[in-house]
N, C-alpha and C. Protein backbone atom coordinates (compact mmCIF):
# COMPACT_ATOMS: atom_id res chain seq x y z
N MET A 1 0.84 -1.17 0.00
CA MET A 1 0.00 0.00 0.00
C MET A 1 0.89 1.24 0.00
N PRO A 2 0.49 2.27 -0.73
CA PRO A 2 1.28 3.48 -0.80
C PRO A 2 1.37 4.20 0.54
N GLY A 3 0.35 4.16 1.36
CA GLY A 3 0.34 4.86 2.64
C GLY A 3 1.18 4.19 3.71
N ASP A 4 1.47 2.88 3.53
CA ASP A 4 2.23 2.14 4.54
C ASP A 4 3.63 2.71 4.73
N SER A 5 4.28 3.07 3.64
CA SER A 5 5.63 3.63 3.72
C SER A 5 5.60 4.95 4.48
N GLN A 6 4.61 5.77 4.19
CA GLN A 6 4.48 7.07 4.86
C GLN A 6 4.19 6.88 6.35
N ASN A 7 3.29 5.94 6.69
CA ASN A 7 2.98 5.67 8.10
C ASN A 7 4.21 5.17 8.84
N SER A 8 5.00 4.32 8.18
CA SER A 8 6.22 3.80 8.79
C SER A 8 7.21 4.93 9.08
N LYS A 9 7.35 5.86 8.15
CA LYS A 9 8.25 7.01 8.33
C LYS A 9 7.77 7.89 9.48
N LEU A 10 6.46 8.12 9.56
CA LEU A 10 5.91 8.95 10.63
C LEU A 10 6.08 8.29 11.98
N SER A 11 5.93 6.97 12.03
CA SER A 11 6.10 6.23 13.28
C SER A 11 7.54 6.36 13.78
N GLY A 12 8.49 6.23 12.89
CA GLY A 12 9.90 6.37 13.25
C GLY A 12 10.22 7.79 13.71
N LEU A 13 9.64 8.77 13.05
CA LEU A 13 9.83 10.17 13.43
C LEU A 13 9.26 10.43 14.82
N SER A 14 8.09 9.89 15.09
CA SER A 14 7.46 10.06 16.40
C SER A 14 8.35 9.49 17.50
N SER A 15 8.95 8.35 17.26
CA SER A 15 9.83 7.72 18.24
C SER A 15 11.05 8.59 18.49
N ARG A 16 11.64 9.16 17.45
CA ARG A 16 12.82 10.03 17.61
C ARG A 16 12.46 11.31 18.34
N VAL A 17 11.28 11.86 18.07
CA VAL A 17 10.86 13.10 18.74
C VAL A 17 10.69 12.85 20.23
N LYS A 18 10.10 11.71 20.62
CA LYS A 18 9.92 11.38 22.03
C LYS A 18 11.27 11.24 22.72
N HIS A 19 12.23 10.58 22.06
CA HIS A 19 13.57 10.40 22.62
C HIS A 19 14.25 11.76 22.77
N HIS A 20 14.15 12.59 21.75
CA HIS A 20 14.74 13.94 21.79
C HIS A 20 14.11 14.76 22.91
N SER A 21 12.81 14.63 23.09
CA SER A 21 12.10 15.36 24.14
C SER A 21 12.63 14.96 25.52
N LYS A 22 12.90 13.68 25.74
CA LYS A 22 13.45 13.21 27.02
C LYS A 22 14.84 13.80 27.26
N LEU A 23 15.65 13.87 26.22
CA LEU A 23 16.98 14.45 26.34
C LEU A 23 16.90 15.92 26.70
N VAL A 24 16.05 16.65 26.02
CA VAL A 24 15.89 18.08 26.30
C VAL A 24 15.40 18.27 27.72
N GLU A 25 14.48 17.45 28.17
CA GLU A 25 13.94 17.53 29.53
C GLU A 25 15.04 17.35 30.57
N PHE A 26 15.98 16.44 30.33
CA PHE A 26 17.05 16.19 31.29
C PHE A 26 17.92 17.43 31.48
N TYR A 27 18.14 18.19 30.42
CA TYR A 27 19.01 19.37 30.51
C TYR A 27 18.27 20.63 30.94
N ARG A 28 16.97 20.54 31.07
CA ARG A 28 16.19 21.70 31.51
C ARG A 28 16.43 21.95 33.00
N GLU A 29 16.62 23.21 33.36
CA GLU A 29 16.85 23.56 34.76
C GLU A 29 15.57 23.40 35.57
N THR A 30 15.69 22.83 36.74
CA THR A 30 14.55 22.63 37.64
C THR A 30 14.19 23.95 38.31
N ASP A 31 12.90 24.25 38.36
CA ASP A 31 12.43 25.45 39.07
C ASP A 31 12.49 25.17 40.57
N THR A 32 13.41 25.84 41.25
CA THR A 32 13.59 25.63 42.68
C THR A 32 13.15 26.84 43.50
N ASN A 33 12.36 27.71 42.90
CA ASN A 33 11.89 28.91 43.61
C ASN A 33 11.09 28.58 44.85
N GLU A 34 10.40 27.46 44.86
CA GLU A 34 9.55 27.08 45.99
C GLU A 34 10.29 26.24 47.04
N VAL A 35 11.55 25.91 46.77
CA VAL A 35 12.32 25.08 47.70
C VAL A 35 12.70 25.91 48.92
N ILE A 36 12.43 25.38 50.09
CA ILE A 36 12.75 26.05 51.35
C ILE A 36 14.12 25.57 51.82
N LYS A 37 15.00 26.52 52.05
CA LYS A 37 16.35 26.20 52.50
C LYS A 37 16.31 25.67 53.93
N LYS A 38 16.92 24.49 54.14
CA LYS A 38 16.91 23.84 55.45
C LYS A 38 18.27 23.88 56.14
N SER A 39 19.34 23.99 55.35
CA SER A 39 20.67 24.01 55.96
C SER A 39 21.67 24.65 55.00
N ASP A 40 22.90 24.81 55.49
CA ASP A 40 24.01 25.31 54.67
C ASP A 40 25.04 24.21 54.44
N MET A 41 24.60 22.96 54.50
CA MET A 41 25.50 21.83 54.36
C MET A 41 26.31 21.90 53.06
N PHE A 42 25.71 22.39 51.98
CA PHE A 42 26.39 22.48 50.68
C PHE A 42 26.84 23.91 50.37
N HIS A 43 26.90 24.78 51.37
CA HIS A 43 27.31 26.17 51.15
C HIS A 43 28.69 26.22 50.47
N GLY A 44 28.79 27.03 49.44
CA GLY A 44 30.04 27.17 48.72
C GLY A 44 30.31 26.06 47.72
N MET A 45 29.37 25.14 47.57
CA MET A 45 29.55 24.02 46.64
C MET A 45 28.65 24.21 45.42
N GLU A 46 29.18 23.81 44.27
CA GLU A 46 28.43 23.91 43.03
C GLU A 46 28.44 22.53 42.37
N PHE A 47 27.26 22.05 41.99
CA PHE A 47 27.09 20.68 41.49
C PHE A 47 26.68 20.66 40.03
N TYR A 48 27.28 19.75 39.29
CA TYR A 48 26.92 19.49 37.89
C TYR A 48 26.46 18.04 37.82
N ILE A 49 25.21 17.82 37.43
CA ILE A 49 24.66 16.47 37.33
C ILE A 49 24.79 15.99 35.89
N VAL A 50 25.61 14.97 35.68
CA VAL A 50 25.86 14.45 34.34
C VAL A 50 24.78 13.44 33.95
N ASN A 51 24.51 12.48 34.83
CA ASN A 51 23.47 11.49 34.57
C ASN A 51 22.98 10.94 35.90
N VAL A 52 21.83 10.32 35.88
CA VAL A 52 21.22 9.79 37.10
C VAL A 52 20.68 8.39 36.86
N ASP A 53 20.44 7.69 37.95
CA ASP A 53 19.75 6.40 37.90
C ASP A 53 18.32 6.69 38.33
N GLU A 54 17.41 6.72 37.38
CA GLU A 54 16.01 7.09 37.64
C GLU A 54 15.33 6.17 38.66
N THR A 55 15.88 4.98 38.89
CA THR A 55 15.27 4.09 39.88
C THR A 55 15.61 4.54 41.30
N ILE A 56 16.61 5.39 41.44
CA ILE A 56 17.01 5.90 42.75
C ILE A 56 16.50 7.31 42.97
N ALA A 57 16.83 8.22 42.05
CA ALA A 57 16.39 9.61 42.15
C ALA A 57 16.51 10.26 40.78
N ASN A 58 15.58 11.16 40.48
CA ASN A 58 15.67 11.86 39.20
C ASN A 58 16.40 13.20 39.38
N LYS A 59 16.74 13.83 38.27
CA LYS A 59 17.52 15.05 38.30
C LYS A 59 16.80 16.19 39.04
N PRO A 60 15.52 16.44 38.80
CA PRO A 60 14.84 17.51 39.55
C PRO A 60 14.88 17.29 41.07
N TYR A 61 14.74 16.04 41.50
CA TYR A 61 14.80 15.74 42.94
C TYR A 61 16.19 16.10 43.49
N LEU A 62 17.24 15.67 42.80
CA LEU A 62 18.59 15.96 43.27
C LEU A 62 18.86 17.46 43.29
N GLU A 63 18.44 18.16 42.24
CA GLU A 63 18.66 19.61 42.19
C GLU A 63 17.93 20.30 43.34
N SER A 64 16.74 19.87 43.64
CA SER A 64 15.99 20.46 44.76
C SER A 64 16.68 20.22 46.08
N ARG A 65 17.24 19.01 46.28
CA ARG A 65 17.95 18.72 47.54
C ARG A 65 19.22 19.56 47.66
N ILE A 66 19.90 19.78 46.55
CA ILE A 66 21.11 20.61 46.56
C ILE A 66 20.77 22.03 47.00
N VAL A 67 19.75 22.61 46.41
CA VAL A 67 19.33 23.98 46.76
C VAL A 67 18.80 24.02 48.19
N GLU A 68 18.06 23.02 48.58
CA GLU A 68 17.49 22.93 49.93
C GLU A 68 18.59 23.00 51.01
N HIS A 69 19.77 22.51 50.66
CA HIS A 69 20.85 22.50 51.63
C HIS A 69 21.96 23.50 51.29
N GLY A 70 21.58 24.57 50.58
CA GLY A 70 22.47 25.71 50.39
C GLY A 70 23.46 25.64 49.26
N GLY A 71 23.36 24.63 48.41
CA GLY A 71 24.28 24.51 47.29
C GLY A 71 23.74 25.15 46.03
N ARG A 72 24.58 25.19 45.02
CA ARG A 72 24.18 25.67 43.69
C ARG A 72 24.29 24.51 42.73
N ARG A 73 23.44 24.53 41.70
CA ARG A 73 23.53 23.52 40.66
C ARG A 73 23.63 24.23 39.33
N VAL A 74 24.41 23.63 38.43
CA VAL A 74 24.62 24.22 37.11
C VAL A 74 24.24 23.21 36.04
N GLN A 75 23.90 23.70 34.87
CA GLN A 75 23.50 22.84 33.77
C GLN A 75 24.68 22.50 32.86
N ASN A 76 25.78 23.24 33.02
CA ASN A 76 27.00 23.00 32.25
C ASN A 76 28.18 23.11 33.19
N LEU A 77 29.18 22.28 32.98
CA LEU A 77 30.38 22.29 33.80
C LEU A 77 31.08 23.64 33.64
N MET A 78 31.44 24.23 34.75
CA MET A 78 32.11 25.53 34.74
C MET A 78 33.37 25.44 35.61
N GLU A 79 34.23 26.44 35.53
CA GLU A 79 35.44 26.45 36.35
C GLU A 79 35.11 26.50 37.83
N THR A 80 33.95 27.05 38.17
CA THR A 80 33.54 27.19 39.57
C THR A 80 32.89 25.93 40.13
N THR A 81 32.61 24.94 39.28
CA THR A 81 31.95 23.71 39.71
C THR A 81 32.87 22.90 40.61
N THR A 82 32.35 22.54 41.78
CA THR A 82 33.16 21.80 42.75
C THR A 82 32.84 20.30 42.79
N HIS A 83 31.65 19.91 42.34
CA HIS A 83 31.24 18.50 42.42
C HIS A 83 30.55 18.07 41.13
N ILE A 84 30.81 16.84 40.72
CA ILE A 84 30.14 16.23 39.57
C ILE A 84 29.38 15.01 40.08
N ILE A 85 28.11 14.92 39.72
CA ILE A 85 27.28 13.78 40.11
C ILE A 85 27.01 12.94 38.87
N ALA A 86 27.31 11.63 38.98
CA ALA A 86 27.07 10.71 37.87
C ALA A 86 26.75 9.34 38.42
N ALA A 87 25.71 8.74 37.91
CA ALA A 87 25.32 7.40 38.32
C ALA A 87 26.07 6.35 37.50
N THR A 88 26.45 6.71 36.28
CA THR A 88 27.10 5.78 35.38
C THR A 88 28.40 6.39 34.85
N MET A 89 29.45 5.60 34.85
CA MET A 89 30.74 6.08 34.33
C MET A 89 30.72 5.97 32.81
N THR A 90 30.36 7.05 32.17
CA THR A 90 30.31 7.11 30.71
C THR A 90 31.57 7.79 30.18
N PHE A 91 31.70 7.82 28.88
CA PHE A 91 32.84 8.50 28.25
C PHE A 91 32.86 9.96 28.70
N LYS A 92 31.72 10.59 28.72
CA LYS A 92 31.64 12.00 29.14
C LYS A 92 32.15 12.17 30.57
N VAL A 93 31.74 11.30 31.46
CA VAL A 93 32.17 11.38 32.86
C VAL A 93 33.68 11.19 32.94
N ARG A 94 34.21 10.23 32.21
CA ARG A 94 35.66 9.97 32.23
C ARG A 94 36.44 11.20 31.78
N THR A 95 35.92 11.92 30.82
CA THR A 95 36.65 13.10 30.33
C THR A 95 36.57 14.25 31.31
N LEU A 96 35.59 14.24 32.21
CA LEU A 96 35.43 15.33 33.17
C LEU A 96 36.24 15.13 34.44
N VAL A 97 36.50 13.87 34.80
CA VAL A 97 37.20 13.62 36.08
C VAL A 97 38.65 13.26 35.87
């Protein structure tokens, strides 16, 4: 059928868009305006989250805990970054440490 090829292409595109959307979501900064500061345990520390194990904690949760305890979180590694968080030792993590 002529439409089958088109449907197959659209199905593949939909799958790629969903995957791309998940990637973009991971790099989006968490809104922590409502987070109430509980301590200064992370005062003076800046955290860069490379990857997470979603079965343990997701990135927004970790970012909220960092802010809650007086730390800063960044979306890109900077010279001021003091800590890197990674659940999996990937090529990217190896190049950073």
